[in-house]
């Protein structure tokens, strides 16, 4: 006699995602990349996209990566809770989406450190290049909104 487990709405769904990308939804270049990656994911759910700029962003749901750290450089979380950052995020997301060849050279001995160095420069200057306030200002504005109980579009500073 064969028995099958009954599906109940309360039962947790299996984790199908392979990587959770923490991205800055207020960054126009970041959004361009996220839109490209969403298109490549094509609804498969391999990549979970979390907007760190959203009012409901919670570090405890995202590998413990707080807003300030996530704004400083790109982060992702693997299903086992491992947090990765910098160019390694792109290597792994592109690999998950079947495009690993794009970032494969960034793991090579000579090219890898060069790409990592270039990313460090990009991370340092990303806000200025995209015409946004510096990180200190963004953090102060977010903290002011949090202390006022503002979220989403309820109030803007």
Protein backbone atom coordinates (compact mmCIF):
# COMPACT_ATOMS: atom_id res chain seq x y z
CA UNK A 1 0.00 0.00 0.00
CA UNK A 2 1.43 3.36 -1.05
CA UNK A 3 0.73 6.49 0.92
CA UNK A 4 1.36 10.04 -0.13
CA UNK A 5 1.78 13.02 2.11
CA UNK A 6 -1.09 15.42 1.89
CA UNK A 7 -0.22 18.99 1.01
CA UNK A 8 -1.36 21.51 3.55
CA UNK A 9 -1.03 25.27 3.09
CA UNK A 10 0.78 25.48 6.43
CA UNK A 11 3.57 23.15 5.30
CA UNK A 12 6.71 25.05 4.33
CA UNK A 13 7.53 25.03 0.64
CA UNK A 14 10.82 23.54 -0.47
CA UNK A 15 13.59 26.05 -1.01
CA UNK A 16 14.20 26.16 -4.73
CA UNK A 17 16.25 29.33 -4.80
CA UNK A 18 20.01 29.06 -5.09
CA UNK A 19 21.09 32.57 -4.15
CA UNK A 20 19.49 35.68 -2.62
CA UNK A 21 20.78 38.95 -4.09
CA UNK A 22 20.74 42.00 -1.82
CA UNK A 23 20.57 45.03 -4.08
CA UNK A 24 20.07 48.79 -3.79
CA UNK A 25 16.69 49.53 -5.34
CA UNK A 26 17.47 53.26 -5.37
CA UNK A 27 20.52 52.78 -7.62
CA UNK A 28 19.73 53.09 -11.33
CA UNK A 29 22.71 50.96 -12.43
CA UNK A 30 21.90 48.31 -9.84
CA UNK A 31 18.30 48.16 -11.08
CA UNK A 32 19.50 47.73 -14.65
CA UNK A 33 21.58 44.71 -13.58
CA UNK A 34 18.73 43.30 -11.46
CA UNK A 35 16.30 43.61 -14.37
CA UNK A 36 18.77 41.77 -16.61
CA UNK A 37 19.20 39.01 -14.01
CA UNK A 38 15.43 38.71 -13.50
CA UNK A 39 15.03 38.30 -17.24
CA UNK A 40 17.68 35.55 -17.25
CA UNK A 41 16.03 33.84 -14.24
CA UNK A 42 12.86 33.81 -16.34
CA UNK A 43 10.54 33.07 -13.43
CA UNK A 44 12.45 29.95 -12.34
CA UNK A 45 12.99 31.39 -8.85
CA UNK A 46 16.68 30.47 -8.77
CA UNK A 47 17.54 33.98 -7.58
CA UNK A 48 15.65 35.80 -4.85
CA UNK A 49 15.94 39.57 -5.19
CA UNK A 50 15.87 41.64 -1.96
CA UNK A 51 15.79 45.42 -2.17
CA UNK A 52 17.84 46.73 0.75
CA UNK A 53 16.32 50.21 0.26
CA UNK A 54 12.80 48.90 0.93
CA UNK A 55 11.28 50.07 4.22
CA UNK A 56 10.63 46.45 5.24
CA UNK A 57 14.22 45.24 4.68
CA UNK A 58 15.29 43.22 7.73
CA UNK A 59 18.90 42.07 8.24
CA UNK A 60 17.75 39.04 10.23
CA UNK A 61 15.97 37.73 7.12
CA UNK A 62 19.03 38.33 4.94
CA UNK A 63 22.06 36.70 6.48
CA UNK A 64 22.40 39.42 9.12
CA UNK A 65 23.60 41.93 6.51
CA UNK A 66 22.52 45.35 7.74
CA UNK A 67 21.63 48.28 5.51
CA UNK A 68 24.97 50.06 5.95
CA UNK A 69 27.02 46.99 5.02
CA UNK A 70 24.76 46.22 2.06
CA UNK A 71 25.05 49.80 0.82
CA UNK A 72 28.84 49.62 0.98
CA UNK A 73 29.17 46.68 -1.40
CA UNK A 74 27.03 44.00 -2.99
CA UNK A 75 26.09 40.98 -0.87
CA UNK A 76 24.22 37.74 -1.43
CA UNK A 77 23.05 34.94 0.82
CA UNK A 78 23.18 31.26 -0.03
CA UNK A 79 20.44 28.84 1.10
CA UNK A 80 22.66 27.56 3.93
CA UNK A 81 22.96 31.12 5.29
CA UNK A 82 26.48 31.77 4.00
CA UNK A 83 26.97 35.43 3.10
CA UNK A 84 29.14 36.30 0.10
CA UNK A 85 30.11 39.72 -1.18
CA UNK A 86 31.90 41.66 -3.89
CA UNK A 87 32.66 40.05 -7.27
CA UNK A 88 32.00 36.58 -5.83
CA UNK A 89 28.29 37.52 -5.83
CA UNK A 90 28.35 38.05 -9.59
CA UNK A 91 30.34 34.86 -10.18
CA UNK A 92 27.80 32.80 -8.31
CA UNK A 93 24.64 34.44 -9.64
CA UNK A 94 25.80 34.19 -13.21
CA UNK A 95 26.77 30.53 -12.64
CA UNK A 96 23.33 29.77 -11.15
CA UNK A 97 21.68 31.34 -14.20
CA UNK A 98 23.80 29.31 -16.63
CA UNK A 99 26.02 32.24 -17.56
CA UNK A 100 29.03 31.33 -15.45
CA UNK A 101 31.35 31.76 -18.41
CA UNK A 102 30.78 35.54 -18.25
CA UNK A 103 32.46 35.88 -14.85
CA UNK A 104 34.69 32.77 -14.98
CA UNK A 105 37.79 34.79 -15.93
CA UNK A 106 37.39 36.83 -12.72
CA UNK A 107 38.49 33.74 -10.83
CA UNK A 108 41.77 33.42 -12.72
CA UNK A 109 44.99 34.11 -10.76
CA UNK A 110 46.06 37.34 -12.48
CA UNK A 111 42.74 38.71 -13.68
CA UNK A 112 40.83 37.93 -10.47
CA UNK A 113 42.76 40.27 -8.16
CA UNK A 114 42.60 43.02 -10.79
CA UNK A 115 38.81 42.71 -11.09
CA UNK A 116 38.48 42.65 -7.29
CA UNK A 117 40.56 45.85 -7.09
CA UNK A 118 38.39 47.53 -9.75
CA UNK A 119 35.26 46.50 -7.86
CA UNK A 120 36.65 48.06 -4.66
CA UNK A 121 37.01 51.36 -6.52
CA UNK A 122 33.49 51.01 -7.95
CA UNK A 123 32.01 50.25 -4.51
CA UNK A 124 33.72 53.32 -3.06
CA UNK A 125 32.46 55.66 -5.82
CA UNK A 126 29.12 54.05 -6.79
CA UNK A 127 26.93 56.61 -5.05
CA UNK A 128 28.75 59.62 -6.49
CA UNK A 129 28.83 58.11 -9.99
CA UNK A 130 25.07 57.56 -9.88
CA UNK A 131 24.41 61.11 -8.61
CA UNK A 132 23.34 60.14 -5.10
CA UNK A 133 24.26 61.51 -1.68
CA UNK A 134 27.19 59.99 0.18
CA UNK A 135 26.69 56.92 2.35
CA UNK A 136 26.74 58.91 5.60
CA UNK A 137 23.83 61.07 4.36
CA UNK A 138 21.84 58.07 3.14
CA UNK A 139 22.31 56.30 6.47
CA UNK A 140 21.25 59.42 8.41
CA UNK A 141 18.12 59.84 6.26
CA UNK A 142 17.17 56.20 6.71
CA UNK A 143 17.71 56.38 10.47
CA UNK A 144 15.54 59.53 10.65
CA UNK A 145 12.74 57.75 8.75
CA UNK A 146 12.99 54.71 11.03
CA UNK A 147 12.84 56.85 14.17
CA UNK A 148 9.79 58.67 12.82
CA UNK A 149 8.12 55.36 12.07
CA UNK A 150 8.09 56.08 8.37
CA UNK A 151 8.14 53.31 5.86
CA UNK A 152 7.57 52.97 2.17
CA UNK A 153 5.87 56.04 0.73
CA UNK A 154 4.15 57.15 3.96
CA UNK A 155 6.61 59.95 4.46
CA UNK A 156 9.71 61.16 2.73
CA UNK A 157 12.57 63.23 4.06
